[in-house]
N, C-alpha and C. Protein backbone atom coordinates (compact mmCIF):
# COMPACT_ATOMS: atom_id res chain seq x y z
N MET A 1 -28.51 21.36 -33.71
CA MET A 1 -28.47 22.37 -34.69
C MET A 1 -27.96 21.77 -36.00
N PRO A 2 -28.63 21.90 -37.12
CA PRO A 2 -28.21 21.36 -38.39
C PRO A 2 -26.92 21.97 -38.88
N ARG A 3 -26.10 21.15 -39.47
CA ARG A 3 -24.83 21.62 -39.96
C ARG A 3 -25.09 22.38 -41.20
N SER A 4 -24.46 23.60 -41.38
CA SER A 4 -24.65 24.39 -42.63
C SER A 4 -23.97 23.76 -43.77
N LYS A 5 -24.43 24.11 -44.94
CA LYS A 5 -23.82 23.61 -46.18
C LYS A 5 -22.40 24.14 -46.28
N LYS A 6 -21.50 23.34 -46.84
CA LYS A 6 -20.12 23.73 -46.95
C LYS A 6 -19.93 25.04 -47.74
N LEU A 7 -19.32 26.01 -47.09
CA LEU A 7 -19.03 27.30 -47.70
C LEU A 7 -17.69 27.21 -48.35
N MET A 8 -17.48 27.86 -49.43
CA MET A 8 -16.18 27.89 -50.07
C MET A 8 -15.98 29.25 -50.69
N SER A 9 -14.88 29.86 -50.39
CA SER A 9 -14.54 31.14 -51.01
C SER A 9 -13.47 30.86 -52.08
N THR A 10 -13.55 31.58 -53.17
CA THR A 10 -12.56 31.35 -54.21
C THR A 10 -11.97 32.76 -54.60
N ASN A 11 -10.68 32.90 -54.51
CA ASN A 11 -10.01 34.10 -54.86
C ASN A 11 -9.16 33.87 -56.10
N VAL A 12 -9.75 33.11 -57.06
CA VAL A 12 -9.07 32.78 -58.31
C VAL A 12 -9.87 33.48 -59.37
N GLY A 13 -9.48 34.72 -59.65
CA GLY A 13 -10.28 35.51 -60.59
C GLY A 13 -9.54 35.88 -61.82
N SER A 14 -8.35 36.31 -61.75
CA SER A 14 -7.66 36.84 -62.92
C SER A 14 -7.14 35.74 -63.84
N MET A 15 -6.84 34.59 -63.28
CA MET A 15 -6.39 33.46 -64.13
C MET A 15 -5.20 33.79 -64.95
N LYS A 16 -4.25 34.55 -64.39
CA LYS A 16 -3.03 34.90 -65.10
C LYS A 16 -2.01 33.83 -65.00
N LEU A 17 -1.43 33.47 -66.15
CA LEU A 17 -0.31 32.54 -66.13
C LEU A 17 0.96 33.31 -66.00
N GLY A 18 1.92 32.69 -65.32
CA GLY A 18 3.21 33.30 -65.15
C GLY A 18 4.03 33.34 -66.38
N GLU A 19 5.24 33.93 -66.30
CA GLU A 19 6.11 34.00 -67.51
C GLU A 19 6.53 32.67 -68.03
N ASN A 20 6.49 31.66 -67.21
CA ASN A 20 6.84 30.30 -67.66
C ASN A 20 5.64 29.50 -68.04
N GLY A 21 4.46 30.10 -68.12
CA GLY A 21 3.24 29.40 -68.56
C GLY A 21 2.58 28.68 -67.44
N THR A 22 2.88 28.86 -66.19
CA THR A 22 2.28 28.14 -65.09
C THR A 22 1.61 29.18 -64.20
N MET A 23 0.75 28.65 -63.31
CA MET A 23 0.15 29.48 -62.21
C MET A 23 0.17 28.66 -60.96
N GLN A 24 -0.04 29.36 -59.87
CA GLN A 24 0.06 28.72 -58.54
C GLN A 24 -1.27 28.92 -57.80
N ILE A 25 -1.75 27.87 -57.16
CA ILE A 25 -2.96 27.88 -56.44
C ILE A 25 -2.70 27.45 -55.01
N GLU A 26 -3.39 28.04 -54.02
CA GLU A 26 -3.27 27.65 -52.65
C GLU A 26 -4.63 27.06 -52.21
N VAL A 27 -4.59 25.89 -51.62
CA VAL A 27 -5.71 25.28 -51.02
C VAL A 27 -5.57 25.62 -49.51
N PHE A 28 -6.52 26.37 -49.00
CA PHE A 28 -6.41 26.86 -47.62
C PHE A 28 -7.66 26.39 -46.79
N PRO A 29 -7.57 25.22 -46.17
CA PRO A 29 -8.71 24.73 -45.34
C PRO A 29 -8.88 25.60 -44.10
N GLN A 30 -10.09 25.64 -43.59
CA GLN A 30 -10.37 26.38 -42.35
C GLN A 30 -9.68 25.77 -41.17
N ARG A 31 -9.32 24.54 -41.20
CA ARG A 31 -8.67 23.83 -40.08
C ARG A 31 -7.38 23.18 -40.51
N LEU A 32 -6.58 22.94 -39.49
CA LEU A 32 -5.38 22.07 -39.80
C LEU A 32 -5.87 20.65 -40.10
N LEU A 33 -5.23 19.98 -41.06
CA LEU A 33 -5.66 18.68 -41.42
C LEU A 33 -4.96 17.60 -40.63
N ASN A 34 -5.78 16.55 -40.20
CA ASN A 34 -5.09 15.41 -39.59
C ASN A 34 -4.46 14.59 -40.71
N ILE A 35 -3.66 13.61 -40.32
CA ILE A 35 -2.95 12.79 -41.31
C ILE A 35 -3.88 12.13 -42.33
N GLY A 36 -4.95 11.52 -41.88
CA GLY A 36 -5.84 10.83 -42.69
C GLY A 36 -6.56 11.71 -43.71
N THR A 37 -7.03 12.90 -43.32
CA THR A 37 -7.72 13.85 -44.18
C THR A 37 -6.76 14.40 -45.20
N ALA A 38 -5.53 14.70 -44.71
CA ALA A 38 -4.50 15.25 -45.64
C ALA A 38 -4.11 14.27 -46.70
N GLN A 39 -3.97 12.98 -46.30
CA GLN A 39 -3.61 11.99 -47.35
C GLN A 39 -4.79 11.75 -48.30
N LYS A 40 -6.01 11.81 -47.76
CA LYS A 40 -7.17 11.62 -48.68
C LYS A 40 -7.20 12.76 -49.69
N LEU A 41 -6.99 13.99 -49.27
CA LEU A 41 -6.91 15.14 -50.19
C LEU A 41 -5.76 14.98 -51.16
N LEU A 42 -4.58 14.59 -50.69
CA LEU A 42 -3.44 14.42 -51.58
C LEU A 42 -3.71 13.32 -52.59
N ASN A 43 -4.39 12.23 -52.17
CA ASN A 43 -4.72 11.15 -53.10
C ASN A 43 -5.61 11.67 -54.26
N GLU A 44 -6.57 12.53 -53.91
CA GLU A 44 -7.46 13.13 -54.92
C GLU A 44 -6.61 14.05 -55.79
N LEU A 45 -5.75 14.85 -55.26
CA LEU A 45 -4.94 15.80 -56.07
C LEU A 45 -3.96 15.05 -56.95
N ASN A 46 -3.45 13.91 -56.45
CA ASN A 46 -2.43 13.16 -57.24
C ASN A 46 -2.98 12.64 -58.56
N THR A 47 -4.32 12.56 -58.67
CA THR A 47 -4.86 12.00 -59.90
C THR A 47 -5.20 13.09 -60.95
N ILE A 48 -4.96 14.37 -60.61
CA ILE A 48 -5.30 15.44 -61.54
C ILE A 48 -4.18 15.69 -62.50
N GLU A 49 -4.54 15.71 -63.79
CA GLU A 49 -3.56 16.07 -64.83
C GLU A 49 -3.33 17.56 -64.84
N GLY A 50 -2.06 17.94 -65.04
CA GLY A 50 -1.79 19.36 -65.18
C GLY A 50 -1.07 19.94 -63.91
N ILE A 51 -0.97 19.13 -62.84
CA ILE A 51 -0.27 19.62 -61.64
C ILE A 51 1.23 19.34 -61.83
N ILE A 52 2.00 20.41 -61.69
CA ILE A 52 3.45 20.23 -61.84
C ILE A 52 4.10 19.89 -60.51
N ARG A 53 3.81 20.55 -59.45
CA ARG A 53 4.37 20.27 -58.16
C ARG A 53 3.41 20.72 -57.10
N MET A 54 3.52 20.05 -55.90
CA MET A 54 2.73 20.38 -54.75
C MET A 54 3.61 20.46 -53.53
N VAL A 55 3.26 21.38 -52.64
CA VAL A 55 4.00 21.54 -51.37
C VAL A 55 3.03 21.62 -50.23
N VAL A 56 3.16 20.81 -49.19
CA VAL A 56 2.35 20.95 -47.98
C VAL A 56 3.05 21.93 -47.05
N TYR A 57 2.28 22.81 -46.42
CA TYR A 57 2.76 23.83 -45.54
C TYR A 57 1.97 23.94 -44.30
N GLY A 58 2.62 24.12 -43.18
CA GLY A 58 1.94 24.30 -41.93
C GLY A 58 2.95 24.36 -40.77
N PRO A 59 2.45 24.43 -39.57
CA PRO A 59 3.34 24.45 -38.43
C PRO A 59 4.10 23.13 -38.24
N GLY A 60 5.36 23.28 -37.81
CA GLY A 60 6.17 22.10 -37.64
C GLY A 60 5.68 21.17 -36.60
N LEU A 61 5.84 19.87 -36.78
CA LEU A 61 5.52 18.89 -35.78
C LEU A 61 6.62 18.74 -34.76
N PRO A 62 6.32 18.47 -33.49
CA PRO A 62 7.38 18.23 -32.55
C PRO A 62 8.12 16.91 -32.89
N ARG A 63 9.41 16.90 -32.54
CA ARG A 63 10.19 15.72 -32.87
C ARG A 63 9.76 14.52 -32.07
N ASP A 64 9.30 14.73 -30.84
CA ASP A 64 8.88 13.59 -29.96
C ASP A 64 7.41 13.80 -29.58
N ASP A 65 6.70 12.68 -29.45
CA ASP A 65 5.30 12.72 -28.99
C ASP A 65 5.28 13.00 -27.52
N PRO A 66 4.52 14.04 -27.13
CA PRO A 66 4.47 14.39 -25.71
C PRO A 66 4.07 13.26 -24.79
N ASP A 67 3.15 12.40 -25.24
CA ASP A 67 2.78 11.19 -24.44
C ASP A 67 3.93 10.28 -24.18
N ASP A 68 4.78 10.08 -25.21
CA ASP A 68 5.96 9.23 -25.06
C ASP A 68 6.95 9.86 -24.06
N LEU A 69 7.12 11.18 -24.14
CA LEU A 69 8.01 11.83 -23.18
C LEU A 69 7.58 11.66 -21.78
N LEU A 70 6.25 11.81 -21.51
CA LEU A 70 5.74 11.59 -20.16
C LEU A 70 5.98 10.18 -19.67
N GLU A 71 6.04 9.24 -20.52
CA GLU A 71 6.27 7.85 -20.14
C GLU A 71 7.73 7.51 -20.13
N GLY A 72 8.57 8.50 -20.42
CA GLY A 72 10.06 8.22 -20.35
C GLY A 72 10.64 7.65 -21.60
N LYS A 73 9.86 7.67 -22.65
CA LYS A 73 10.40 7.18 -23.94
C LYS A 73 10.90 8.30 -24.79
N PHE A 74 12.19 8.26 -25.03
CA PHE A 74 12.77 9.37 -25.78
C PHE A 74 13.26 8.85 -27.15
N GLY A 75 12.98 9.62 -28.23
CA GLY A 75 13.48 9.28 -29.53
C GLY A 75 12.82 8.09 -30.20
N VAL A 76 11.57 7.76 -29.73
CA VAL A 76 10.92 6.58 -30.30
C VAL A 76 9.75 6.96 -31.27
N ALA A 77 9.70 8.28 -31.68
CA ALA A 77 8.60 8.70 -32.45
C ALA A 77 8.62 7.98 -33.86
N GLU A 78 7.45 7.50 -34.23
CA GLU A 78 7.30 6.83 -35.50
C GLU A 78 7.19 7.82 -36.61
N LYS A 79 8.04 7.60 -37.65
CA LYS A 79 7.97 8.54 -38.82
C LYS A 79 6.74 8.24 -39.65
N LYS A 80 6.16 9.27 -40.12
CA LYS A 80 4.94 9.15 -40.95
C LYS A 80 5.29 9.74 -42.30
N TYR A 81 4.64 9.18 -43.35
CA TYR A 81 4.95 9.65 -44.71
C TYR A 81 3.67 9.95 -45.48
N PHE A 82 3.77 10.89 -46.46
CA PHE A 82 2.69 11.23 -47.37
C PHE A 82 3.10 10.74 -48.71
N ASN A 83 2.10 10.32 -49.52
CA ASN A 83 2.31 10.06 -50.90
C ASN A 83 1.98 11.34 -51.73
N ILE A 84 2.97 12.02 -52.18
CA ILE A 84 2.75 13.23 -52.96
C ILE A 84 3.29 13.01 -54.35
N MET A 85 2.44 12.88 -55.31
CA MET A 85 2.76 12.73 -56.73
C MET A 85 3.66 11.47 -56.92
N GLY A 86 3.34 10.41 -56.20
CA GLY A 86 4.06 9.17 -56.37
C GLY A 86 5.30 9.03 -55.54
N GLU A 87 5.68 10.00 -54.74
CA GLU A 87 6.87 9.94 -53.88
C GLU A 87 6.39 9.89 -52.44
N MET A 88 7.11 9.19 -51.62
CA MET A 88 6.83 9.10 -50.17
C MET A 88 7.65 10.19 -49.55
N VAL A 89 7.06 11.14 -48.96
CA VAL A 89 7.66 12.32 -48.31
C VAL A 89 7.39 12.30 -46.83
N GLU A 90 8.46 12.41 -46.03
CA GLU A 90 8.31 12.36 -44.59
C GLU A 90 7.51 13.57 -44.11
N LEU A 91 6.50 13.27 -43.23
CA LEU A 91 5.64 14.30 -42.66
C LEU A 91 6.40 15.02 -41.57
N SER A 92 6.64 16.31 -41.81
CA SER A 92 7.39 17.11 -40.79
C SER A 92 6.51 18.35 -40.40
N VAL A 93 5.38 18.50 -40.97
CA VAL A 93 4.47 19.60 -40.67
C VAL A 93 3.05 19.09 -40.53
N GLN A 94 2.26 19.87 -39.75
CA GLN A 94 0.85 19.57 -39.75
C GLN A 94 0.23 20.38 -40.86
N VAL A 95 -0.48 19.76 -41.76
CA VAL A 95 -0.89 20.37 -43.02
C VAL A 95 -1.91 21.47 -42.74
N GLY A 96 -1.57 22.70 -43.14
CA GLY A 96 -2.46 23.81 -43.02
C GLY A 96 -2.83 24.41 -44.33
N ARG A 97 -1.94 24.27 -45.33
CA ARG A 97 -2.13 24.74 -46.68
C ARG A 97 -1.48 23.85 -47.62
N ILE A 98 -1.94 23.82 -48.86
CA ILE A 98 -1.28 23.06 -49.94
C ILE A 98 -1.06 24.00 -51.05
N TRP A 99 0.20 24.16 -51.51
CA TRP A 99 0.48 25.02 -52.67
C TRP A 99 0.66 24.17 -53.84
N ILE A 100 0.00 24.50 -54.91
CA ILE A 100 0.03 23.72 -56.17
C ILE A 100 0.36 24.53 -57.33
N GLU A 101 1.31 24.09 -58.09
CA GLU A 101 1.73 24.79 -59.33
C GLU A 101 1.05 23.95 -60.47
N ILE A 102 0.33 24.65 -61.33
CA ILE A 102 -0.41 23.99 -62.40
C ILE A 102 0.01 24.54 -63.74
N GLU A 103 -0.19 23.74 -64.78
CA GLU A 103 0.16 24.20 -66.16
C GLU A 103 -0.94 25.00 -66.81
N ASP A 104 -2.19 24.72 -66.44
CA ASP A 104 -3.32 25.32 -67.16
C ASP A 104 -4.42 25.60 -66.20
N THR A 105 -5.32 26.53 -66.55
CA THR A 105 -6.43 26.92 -65.71
C THR A 105 -7.43 25.85 -65.68
N LYS A 106 -7.39 24.88 -66.58
CA LYS A 106 -8.39 23.74 -66.61
C LYS A 106 -8.34 22.95 -65.33
N ALA A 107 -7.17 22.87 -64.68
CA ALA A 107 -7.00 22.07 -63.51
C ALA A 107 -7.69 22.67 -62.26
N ILE A 108 -8.03 23.93 -62.25
CA ILE A 108 -8.58 24.59 -61.10
C ILE A 108 -9.86 23.95 -60.68
N GLU A 109 -10.78 23.74 -61.63
CA GLU A 109 -12.06 23.14 -61.30
C GLU A 109 -11.88 21.69 -60.79
N LYS A 110 -10.94 20.99 -61.27
CA LYS A 110 -10.70 19.61 -60.79
C LYS A 110 -10.12 19.69 -59.38
N ILE A 111 -9.30 20.69 -59.07
CA ILE A 111 -8.77 20.84 -57.67
C ILE A 111 -9.92 21.18 -56.78
N ARG A 112 -10.83 22.04 -57.18
CA ARG A 112 -11.96 22.40 -56.38
C ARG A 112 -12.83 21.21 -56.06
N GLU A 113 -13.08 20.34 -57.10
CA GLU A 113 -13.86 19.14 -56.86
C GLU A 113 -13.17 18.16 -55.94
N ALA A 114 -11.84 18.06 -56.02
CA ALA A 114 -11.06 17.15 -55.13
C ALA A 114 -11.17 17.63 -53.73
N CYS A 115 -11.12 18.96 -53.52
CA CYS A 115 -11.22 19.51 -52.18
C CYS A 115 -12.62 19.31 -51.61
N GLU A 116 -13.65 19.49 -52.43
CA GLU A 116 -15.00 19.31 -51.96
C GLU A 116 -15.23 17.82 -51.56
N LYS A 117 -14.59 16.92 -52.32
CA LYS A 117 -14.74 15.49 -52.05
C LYS A 117 -14.03 15.05 -50.78
N ALA A 118 -12.83 15.64 -50.52
CA ALA A 118 -12.00 15.13 -49.42
C ALA A 118 -12.15 15.93 -48.10
N LEU A 119 -12.55 17.13 -48.21
CA LEU A 119 -12.59 18.01 -47.00
C LEU A 119 -14.02 18.15 -46.49
N PRO A 120 -14.23 17.77 -45.18
CA PRO A 120 -15.59 17.84 -44.63
C PRO A 120 -15.90 19.23 -44.03
N PHE A 121 -15.09 20.23 -44.32
CA PHE A 121 -15.27 21.57 -43.78
C PHE A 121 -14.93 22.61 -44.85
N PRO A 122 -15.24 23.85 -44.65
CA PRO A 122 -14.98 24.89 -45.63
C PRO A 122 -13.47 25.09 -45.98
N PHE A 123 -13.17 25.55 -47.13
CA PHE A 123 -11.82 25.82 -47.55
C PHE A 123 -11.82 26.94 -48.55
N GLU A 124 -10.69 27.50 -48.87
CA GLU A 124 -10.50 28.57 -49.86
C GLU A 124 -9.54 28.17 -50.95
N LEU A 125 -9.75 28.61 -52.12
CA LEU A 125 -8.76 28.44 -53.19
C LEU A 125 -8.30 29.85 -53.49
N ASN A 126 -7.01 30.06 -53.51
CA ASN A 126 -6.44 31.36 -53.73
C ASN A 126 -5.40 31.25 -54.85
N GLU A 127 -5.31 32.27 -55.66
CA GLU A 127 -4.28 32.40 -56.71
C GLU A 127 -3.20 33.36 -56.20
N GLY A 128 -1.97 32.98 -56.42
CA GLY A 128 -0.88 33.88 -56.03
C GLY A 128 0.45 33.28 -56.37
N LEU A 129 1.51 33.91 -55.76
CA LEU A 129 2.85 33.37 -55.99
C LEU A 129 3.32 32.80 -54.61
N TYR A 130 3.35 31.49 -54.52
CA TYR A 130 3.67 30.82 -53.23
C TYR A 130 5.04 30.10 -53.29
N LEU A 131 5.44 29.73 -54.50
CA LEU A 131 6.68 29.02 -54.68
C LEU A 131 7.57 29.87 -55.61
N ARG A 132 8.84 30.02 -55.18
CA ARG A 132 9.74 30.83 -56.01
C ARG A 132 9.93 30.27 -57.42
N ARG A 133 10.19 31.13 -58.36
CA ARG A 133 10.46 30.70 -59.73
C ARG A 133 11.85 30.97 -60.20
N LYS A 134 12.65 31.70 -59.35
CA LYS A 134 14.03 32.01 -59.73
C LYS A 134 14.96 31.58 -58.57
N LYS A 135 16.15 31.25 -58.93
CA LYS A 135 17.15 30.86 -57.93
C LYS A 135 17.58 32.03 -57.05
N THR A 136 17.76 31.74 -55.77
CA THR A 136 18.21 32.79 -54.83
C THR A 136 19.55 32.36 -54.20
N VAL A 137 20.10 33.22 -53.45
CA VAL A 137 21.34 32.92 -52.73
C VAL A 137 21.12 31.76 -51.78
N SER A 138 19.97 31.69 -51.16
CA SER A 138 19.71 30.59 -50.22
C SER A 138 19.64 29.22 -50.97
N ASP A 139 19.13 29.22 -52.15
CA ASP A 139 19.14 27.95 -52.95
C ASP A 139 20.52 27.56 -53.29
N TYR A 140 21.37 28.47 -53.64
CA TYR A 140 22.81 28.18 -53.97
C TYR A 140 23.53 27.69 -52.73
N ALA A 141 23.28 28.39 -51.59
CA ALA A 141 24.00 28.02 -50.35
C ALA A 141 23.60 26.62 -49.87
N ARG A 142 22.35 26.30 -50.03
CA ARG A 142 21.80 25.02 -49.53
C ARG A 142 22.13 23.84 -50.46
N ARG A 143 21.99 24.06 -51.82
CA ARG A 143 22.14 22.91 -52.73
C ARG A 143 23.34 23.04 -53.71
N GLY A 144 24.05 24.16 -53.66
CA GLY A 144 25.16 24.33 -54.56
C GLY A 144 24.69 24.88 -55.89
N PRO A 145 25.62 24.95 -56.89
CA PRO A 145 25.29 25.55 -58.15
C PRO A 145 24.34 24.72 -59.01
N ASN A 146 24.07 23.48 -58.68
CA ASN A 146 23.32 22.59 -59.50
C ASN A 146 21.87 22.47 -59.07
N VAL A 147 21.34 23.46 -58.41
CA VAL A 147 19.90 23.40 -57.97
C VAL A 147 19.00 23.40 -59.18
N ASP A 148 18.06 22.51 -59.24
CA ASP A 148 17.18 22.46 -60.39
C ASP A 148 15.96 23.38 -60.17
N ASP A 149 15.27 23.71 -61.29
CA ASP A 149 14.10 24.61 -61.19
C ASP A 149 12.95 24.11 -60.40
N MET A 150 12.80 22.79 -60.30
CA MET A 150 11.67 22.28 -59.60
C MET A 150 11.81 22.34 -58.05
N SER A 151 13.05 22.38 -57.57
CA SER A 151 13.22 22.43 -56.14
C SER A 151 13.48 23.85 -55.55
N LEU A 152 13.22 24.88 -56.34
CA LEU A 152 13.42 26.25 -55.86
C LEU A 152 12.55 26.56 -54.66
N GLY A 153 13.12 27.14 -53.61
CA GLY A 153 12.35 27.49 -52.47
C GLY A 153 11.83 26.37 -51.61
N MET A 154 12.40 25.18 -51.77
CA MET A 154 11.85 24.02 -51.06
C MET A 154 12.72 23.66 -49.83
N PHE A 155 13.55 24.58 -49.43
CA PHE A 155 14.51 24.32 -48.34
C PHE A 155 14.25 25.14 -47.10
N ASP A 156 14.29 24.49 -45.92
CA ASP A 156 14.15 25.24 -44.70
C ASP A 156 15.54 25.34 -44.09
N PRO A 157 16.07 26.55 -43.96
CA PRO A 157 17.47 26.70 -43.60
C PRO A 157 17.69 26.31 -42.12
N LYS A 158 16.59 26.18 -41.29
CA LYS A 158 16.76 25.81 -39.89
C LYS A 158 16.79 24.29 -39.67
N VAL A 159 16.39 23.51 -40.71
CA VAL A 159 16.27 22.08 -40.58
C VAL A 159 17.28 21.42 -41.47
N LYS A 160 18.01 20.46 -40.94
CA LYS A 160 18.99 19.74 -41.73
C LYS A 160 18.39 18.37 -42.14
N ARG A 161 17.53 18.43 -43.12
CA ARG A 161 16.94 17.21 -43.72
C ARG A 161 16.50 17.57 -45.11
N GLU A 162 16.08 16.52 -45.78
CA GLU A 162 15.69 16.68 -47.17
C GLU A 162 14.41 17.53 -47.30
N PRO A 163 14.25 18.32 -48.37
CA PRO A 163 13.02 19.11 -48.49
C PRO A 163 11.87 18.24 -48.78
N ALA A 164 10.64 18.77 -48.39
CA ALA A 164 9.41 18.02 -48.54
C ALA A 164 8.76 18.47 -49.87
N CYS A 165 9.32 18.05 -51.02
CA CYS A 165 8.76 18.38 -52.26
C CYS A 165 8.67 17.12 -53.09
N CYS A 166 8.04 17.22 -54.23
CA CYS A 166 7.69 16.05 -55.04
C CYS A 166 8.31 16.11 -56.41
N GLY A 167 8.51 14.93 -56.98
CA GLY A 167 8.97 14.82 -58.34
C GLY A 167 10.43 15.08 -58.55
N LEU A 168 11.26 14.97 -57.45
CA LEU A 168 12.62 15.34 -57.59
C LEU A 168 13.53 14.19 -57.14
N ASP A 169 14.77 14.17 -57.61
CA ASP A 169 15.73 13.24 -57.13
C ASP A 169 16.69 14.11 -56.22
N HIS A 170 16.68 13.77 -54.88
CA HIS A 170 17.44 14.61 -53.95
C HIS A 170 18.82 14.00 -53.60
N THR A 171 19.40 13.35 -54.54
CA THR A 171 20.74 12.73 -54.26
C THR A 171 21.83 13.52 -54.93
N ASP A 172 21.78 14.81 -54.80
CA ASP A 172 22.74 15.69 -55.38
C ASP A 172 24.09 15.55 -54.63
N LYS A 173 25.16 15.31 -55.36
CA LYS A 173 26.47 15.11 -54.70
C LYS A 173 27.11 16.39 -54.22
N ASN A 174 26.62 17.53 -54.75
CA ASN A 174 27.20 18.80 -54.36
C ASN A 174 26.38 19.47 -53.20
N GLU A 175 25.56 18.70 -52.56
CA GLU A 175 24.76 19.29 -51.50
C GLU A 175 25.59 19.76 -50.35
N ARG A 176 25.27 20.91 -49.86
CA ARG A 176 25.99 21.52 -48.73
C ARG A 176 25.03 21.64 -47.59
N VAL A 177 25.43 21.25 -46.41
CA VAL A 177 24.56 21.29 -45.24
C VAL A 177 25.04 22.36 -44.28
């Protein structure tokens, strides 16, 4: 059976910029991405001008590889990293969505082209609010009073490790765990 042409749905219609002059786009592939495909897509997105920050989102990866556990090897899982906007971020999720904050609507077409180039299956581009823009009590509790605007909403309260975000220096001396 011949493979059908790549279908793509786009829910980016209103093109409204937020109060700070930015908008947020979600890349929603039809499948969870393996490490190679995810890095290929991130490499394409890393070259686009106008992207402020990116966050990969998806189900958490198990701490140990099930095959290693069956062989009696505990705690030997190899850490894997993504290059997101020039920073090496530890992979802790299987990539199901990528949230992107952009400065201008001109970047949307470039994001679509990057997705078409990197993804061998259908995907959706959606406009919405995926990353917080204002500080919350959770941000203060997790990072203290010096939380910066770029790291808002980047913390998982269940996990005691650095957030998987890009473009930030995470060596805050006032960090509370």
